[in-house]
Protein backbone atom coordinates (compact mmCIF):
# COMPACT_ATOMS: atom_id res chain seq x y z
CA MET A 1 -11.00 22.72 -26.80
CA ALA A 2 -10.70 18.97 -27.35
CA LYS A 3 -8.93 16.95 -25.06
CA GLY A 4 -5.59 15.41 -26.16
CA TYR A 5 -2.44 16.18 -27.71
CA GLY A 6 -3.69 16.16 -31.36
CA GLN A 7 -0.84 13.89 -32.37
CA PHE A 8 -0.74 10.37 -34.01
CA CYS A 9 2.33 9.53 -32.05
CA PRO A 10 1.65 6.40 -29.99
CA ILE A 11 3.40 8.05 -26.77
CA ALA A 12 1.01 10.94 -27.09
CA MET A 13 -1.87 8.57 -27.40
CA ALA A 14 -0.91 6.57 -24.26
CA ALA A 15 -0.27 9.72 -22.46
CA GLU A 16 -3.76 10.80 -23.03
CA VAL A 17 -5.02 7.89 -21.05
CA LEU A 18 -2.47 7.36 -18.52
CA CYS A 19 -1.07 10.68 -17.53
CA GLU A 20 -4.33 12.04 -16.04
CA ARG A 21 -3.89 12.77 -12.44
CA TRP A 22 -4.39 9.75 -10.13
CA VAL A 23 -4.66 7.27 -12.87
CA PRO A 24 -1.25 5.44 -12.10
CA LEU A 25 -2.28 5.07 -8.43
CA VAL A 26 -5.73 3.88 -9.32
CA LEU A 27 -4.11 1.21 -11.55
CA ARG A 28 -1.59 0.51 -8.71
CA GLU A 29 -4.55 -0.31 -6.63
CA LEU A 30 -6.09 -2.65 -9.28
CA MET A 31 -3.01 -4.35 -9.66
CA TYR A 32 -2.68 -4.96 -5.94
CA GLY A 33 -6.05 -6.68 -6.17
CA SER A 34 -8.40 -4.21 -4.97
CA ARG A 35 -11.59 -4.81 -6.58
CA ARG A 36 -14.30 -2.84 -4.82
CA PHE A 37 -14.67 0.99 -5.03
CA ASN A 38 -14.32 1.47 -1.27
CA ASP A 39 -11.07 -0.57 -1.47
CA ILE A 40 -9.65 1.36 -4.34
CA ALA A 41 -10.63 4.38 -2.49
CA ARG A 42 -8.62 3.51 0.66
CA GLY A 43 -5.51 3.18 -1.46
CA VAL A 44 -5.91 6.70 -2.65
CA PRO A 45 -7.19 8.64 0.44
CA LEU A 46 -6.48 12.08 -0.96
CA MET A 47 -8.48 11.40 -4.05
CA SER A 48 -12.06 12.64 -3.98
CA ARG A 49 -14.71 9.90 -4.67
CA GLY A 50 -16.13 11.86 -7.24
CA LEU A 51 -12.81 12.05 -9.11
CA LEU A 52 -12.32 8.23 -8.52
CA VAL A 53 -15.67 7.61 -10.10
CA GLN A 54 -14.77 9.74 -13.04
CA ARG A 55 -11.27 8.07 -13.65
CA LEU A 56 -12.73 4.72 -13.47
CA ARG A 57 -15.23 5.37 -16.08
CA GLU A 58 -12.41 6.84 -18.22
CA LEU A 59 -10.35 3.66 -17.83
CA GLU A 60 -13.66 1.72 -18.79
CA ARG A 61 -13.97 3.79 -21.95
CA SER A 62 -10.32 3.16 -22.67
CA GLY A 63 -10.60 -0.55 -22.47
CA ILE A 64 -8.26 -0.82 -19.43
CA VAL A 65 -11.05 -1.81 -16.81
CA LYS A 66 -14.01 -3.71 -16.80
CA ARG A 67 -16.90 -3.23 -14.19
CA GLU A 68 -18.51 -6.35 -13.27
CA GLN A 69 -21.43 -5.68 -10.80
CA ALA A 70 -19.91 -4.11 -7.79
CA SER A 71 -16.33 -4.66 -8.62
CA TYR A 72 -13.68 -3.67 -11.15
CA ARG A 73 -10.79 -5.58 -12.76
CA LEU A 74 -8.15 -4.90 -15.17
CA THR A 75 -8.63 -6.20 -18.82
CA ALA A 76 -5.81 -7.87 -20.79
CA ALA A 77 -4.86 -4.15 -21.92
CA GLY A 78 -4.77 -3.16 -18.18
CA GLU A 79 -2.75 -6.11 -17.25
CA ALA A 80 -0.22 -5.25 -20.03
CA LEU A 81 0.52 -2.08 -18.26
CA ARG A 82 1.62 -3.85 -15.02
CA PRO A 83 5.49 -3.87 -16.45
CA LEU A 84 5.18 -0.09 -17.13
CA VAL A 85 3.84 0.78 -13.67
CA GLU A 86 6.54 -1.44 -12.07
CA GLN A 87 9.16 0.37 -13.89
CA MET A 88 7.78 3.74 -12.86
CA GLY A 89 8.44 2.52 -9.19
CA LEU A 90 11.79 1.19 -9.97
CA TRP A 91 12.79 4.58 -11.56
CA ALA A 92 11.69 6.63 -8.73
CA GLN A 93 13.33 4.39 -6.20
CA ARG A 94 16.85 5.09 -8.00
CA TRP A 95 16.31 8.57 -9.24
CA CYS A 96 13.76 10.25 -7.07
CA ALA A 97 14.87 9.25 -3.67
CA ARG A 98 14.36 11.91 -1.01
CA THR A 99 13.87 12.37 2.69
CA LEU A 100 10.17 11.57 3.76
CA SER A 101 8.55 14.93 4.63
CA GLU A 102 5.78 15.29 7.17
CA HIS A 103 3.44 15.41 4.24
CA ASP A 104 4.48 11.65 3.27
CA LEU A 105 3.62 10.46 6.76
CA ASP A 106 0.44 8.60 6.49
CA ASP A 107 -0.20 5.73 8.95
CA SER A 108 -3.56 4.82 7.41
CA LEU A 109 -2.19 4.26 4.03
CA LEU A 110 0.74 2.34 5.71
CA VAL A 111 -1.59 0.05 7.36
CA TRP A 112 -3.57 -0.58 4.38
CA SER A 113 -0.42 -1.60 2.64
CA LEU A 114 0.72 -3.81 5.37
CA HIS A 115 -2.71 -5.46 5.46
CA ARG A 116 -2.75 -6.60 2.13
CA SER A 117 0.79 -7.69 2.19
CA LEU A 118 0.47 -9.70 5.38
CA LYS A 119 1.30 -13.51 4.59
CA VAL A 120 0.40 -15.88 7.31
CA PRO A 121 2.09 -19.19 6.99
CA PRO A 122 -0.49 -21.99 6.30
CA HIS A 123 0.81 -23.85 9.53
CA VAL A 124 -0.63 -21.04 11.52
CA THR A 125 -4.54 -21.84 11.61
CA ARG A 126 -5.56 -19.89 14.56
CA ARG A 127 -6.62 -16.10 14.60
CA VAL A 128 -3.69 -13.85 14.89
CA VAL A 129 -3.94 -10.46 16.26
CA LEU A 130 -1.29 -7.64 15.72
CA ARG A 131 -1.43 -4.24 17.10
CA PHE A 132 0.52 -1.26 15.80
CA ASP A 133 1.13 1.51 18.10
CA PHE A 134 2.48 4.54 16.10
CA HIS A 135 4.03 7.79 17.42
CA GLY A 136 5.70 10.69 15.55
CA LEU A 137 2.44 11.10 13.57
CA PRO A 138 2.10 14.35 11.49
CA ARG A 139 1.03 17.47 13.40
CA SER A 140 -1.78 17.99 11.16
CA LEU A 141 -3.53 14.94 12.76
CA ARG A 142 -3.45 16.63 16.17
CA LEU A 143 -2.54 13.12 17.70
CA ALA A 144 0.39 12.16 19.55
CA ARG A 145 -0.21 8.45 19.04
CA ARG A 146 -2.62 6.12 17.35
CA SER A 147 -3.29 2.34 17.26
CA TRP A 148 -4.51 -0.09 14.61
CA TRP A 149 -5.06 -3.73 14.61
CA LEU A 150 -4.83 -6.35 12.27
CA LEU A 151 -6.85 -9.65 12.46
CA ALA A 152 -5.70 -12.55 10.39
CA GLN A 153 -7.24 -16.11 10.02
CA GLY A 154 -7.96 -18.56 7.19
CA GLY A 155 -6.37 -16.19 4.65
CA GLU A 156 -8.57 -13.12 5.44
CA VAL A 157 -6.98 -9.97 6.99
CA GLU A 158 -9.10 -7.44 8.57
CA ILE A 159 -8.18 -3.93 9.61
CA CYS A 160 -9.63 -2.39 12.86
CA ILE A 161 -9.32 1.17 14.19
CA LYS A 162 -10.75 0.36 17.57
CA ASP A 163 -9.61 -2.58 19.85
CA PRO A 164 -11.56 -5.58 18.74
CA GLY A 165 -11.49 -7.25 22.13
CA TYR A 166 -9.14 -10.21 21.33
CA GLU A 167 -5.88 -10.94 23.14
CA VAL A 168 -3.11 -9.33 21.20
CA ASP A 169 -0.26 -11.54 19.89
CA VAL A 170 2.28 -9.32 18.68
CA ILE A 171 2.60 -5.36 19.48
CA LEU A 172 4.67 -3.36 17.06
CA THR A 173 5.58 -0.10 18.54
CA ALA A 174 7.14 2.36 16.02
CA ASP A 175 8.01 5.90 15.13
CA LEU A 176 5.86 6.37 11.97
CA ARG A 177 8.77 7.85 9.72
CA SER A 178 11.20 5.09 10.96
CA LEU A 179 8.94 2.22 10.01
CA MET A 180 8.08 3.67 6.59
CA GLU A 181 11.91 4.02 5.99
CA VAL A 182 12.00 0.37 7.04
CA VAL A 183 9.28 -0.67 4.52
CA LEU A 184 10.78 1.40 1.69
CA ALA A 185 14.13 -0.12 2.36
CA ARG A 186 15.84 3.04 3.40
CA ARG A 187 16.96 1.44 6.37
CA SER A 188 17.08 -1.96 7.79
CA LEU A 189 14.65 -3.34 10.62
CA ARG A 190 17.63 -4.38 12.73
CA SER A 191 19.07 -0.77 12.69
CA ALA A 192 15.58 0.66 13.69
CA GLN A 193 15.24 -1.83 16.51
CA ARG A 194 18.79 -1.00 17.82
CA SER A 195 17.78 2.61 17.87
CA GLY A 196 14.64 1.79 19.65
CA GLN A 197 12.51 3.48 16.88
CA VAL A 198 10.68 0.06 16.22
CA LYS A 199 10.05 -2.54 18.88
CA LEU A 200 8.35 -5.88 18.59
CA GLN A 201 6.96 -7.49 21.69
CA GLY A 202 4.47 -10.45 22.36
CA ASP A 203 4.59 -14.20 21.51
CA SER A 204 8.32 -14.85 21.16
CA ALA A 205 7.79 -17.39 18.06
CA LEU A 206 5.59 -14.81 16.32
CA VAL A 207 7.94 -11.94 17.00
CA ARG A 208 10.67 -14.00 15.32
CA GLU A 209 8.47 -14.93 12.38
CA LEU A 210 6.72 -11.64 11.76
CA PRO A 211 9.38 -10.03 9.54
CA GLY A 212 8.65 -12.75 7.14
CA TRP A 213 4.76 -12.13 7.25
CA LEU A 214 5.01 -8.35 6.76
CA PRO A 215 7.25 -6.32 4.21
CA LEU A 216 9.64 -5.45 6.82
CA ASN A 217 12.81 -6.47 4.74
CA GLY A 218 12.42 -3.98 1.84
CA GLU A 219 9.90 -5.91 -0.27
CA LEU A 220 7.68 -2.98 -0.82
CA ALA A 221 10.61 -0.87 -2.13
CA HIS A 222 9.67 -2.07 -5.76
CA THR A 223 6.55 -0.36 -6.66
CA MET A 224 4.79 -0.94 -3.18
CA GLY A 225 4.64 -4.55 -3.63
CA ILE A 226 2.91 -4.70 -7.11
CA VAL A 227 5.61 -7.35 -7.98
CA ALA A 228 8.02 -9.35 -6.20
CA ALA A 229 11.35 -7.61 -5.46
CA SER A 230 14.03 -8.51 -8.03
CA PRO A 231 17.08 -10.73 -6.45
């Protein structure tokens, strides 16, 4: 049986390309700025690498993605989809809001999102080390607690899953669900701090500035940061 809806309707034609499983999330990763295969894969951790290869090839054939040596980028046709993906996120925020289930709790994806959203001001030229201590992890991980490190310097941000050995500037200790609610603008950072579910400790100046460096004021509520939140 031929793949497709067999209709000349433009909506059907678009759906044949965009409504395949995982395609909107792959587009989200490219819109974030992910270029290399491994970076795209980290943004869709539950997607098999074989299927990711297949979807990228399909997007290439559709003229939405262009491969250049070892990297991928959106074509003009792909960039034209940005408002559509943005509106999907805005629609979901308004109409699909639900309580985060244990299945939604993913510290690795959260750290990946925070890593690429981290904006260190130009006046901070030295290396900055942030440590995230998460508790309340999904039972499936069989872990009570897990730590991650972000190293930022000169516009580059690196994720470490093991202690890199540098002095830590700020420690963010959080219940994973509570921090995800803060990032998604379902509760305020101040509320989570008052309840003790999110704590910031370390260099006092950086602790004060950190909410402006990371999306801790609801910036990722709109399409997980693909575009700036509307005022």
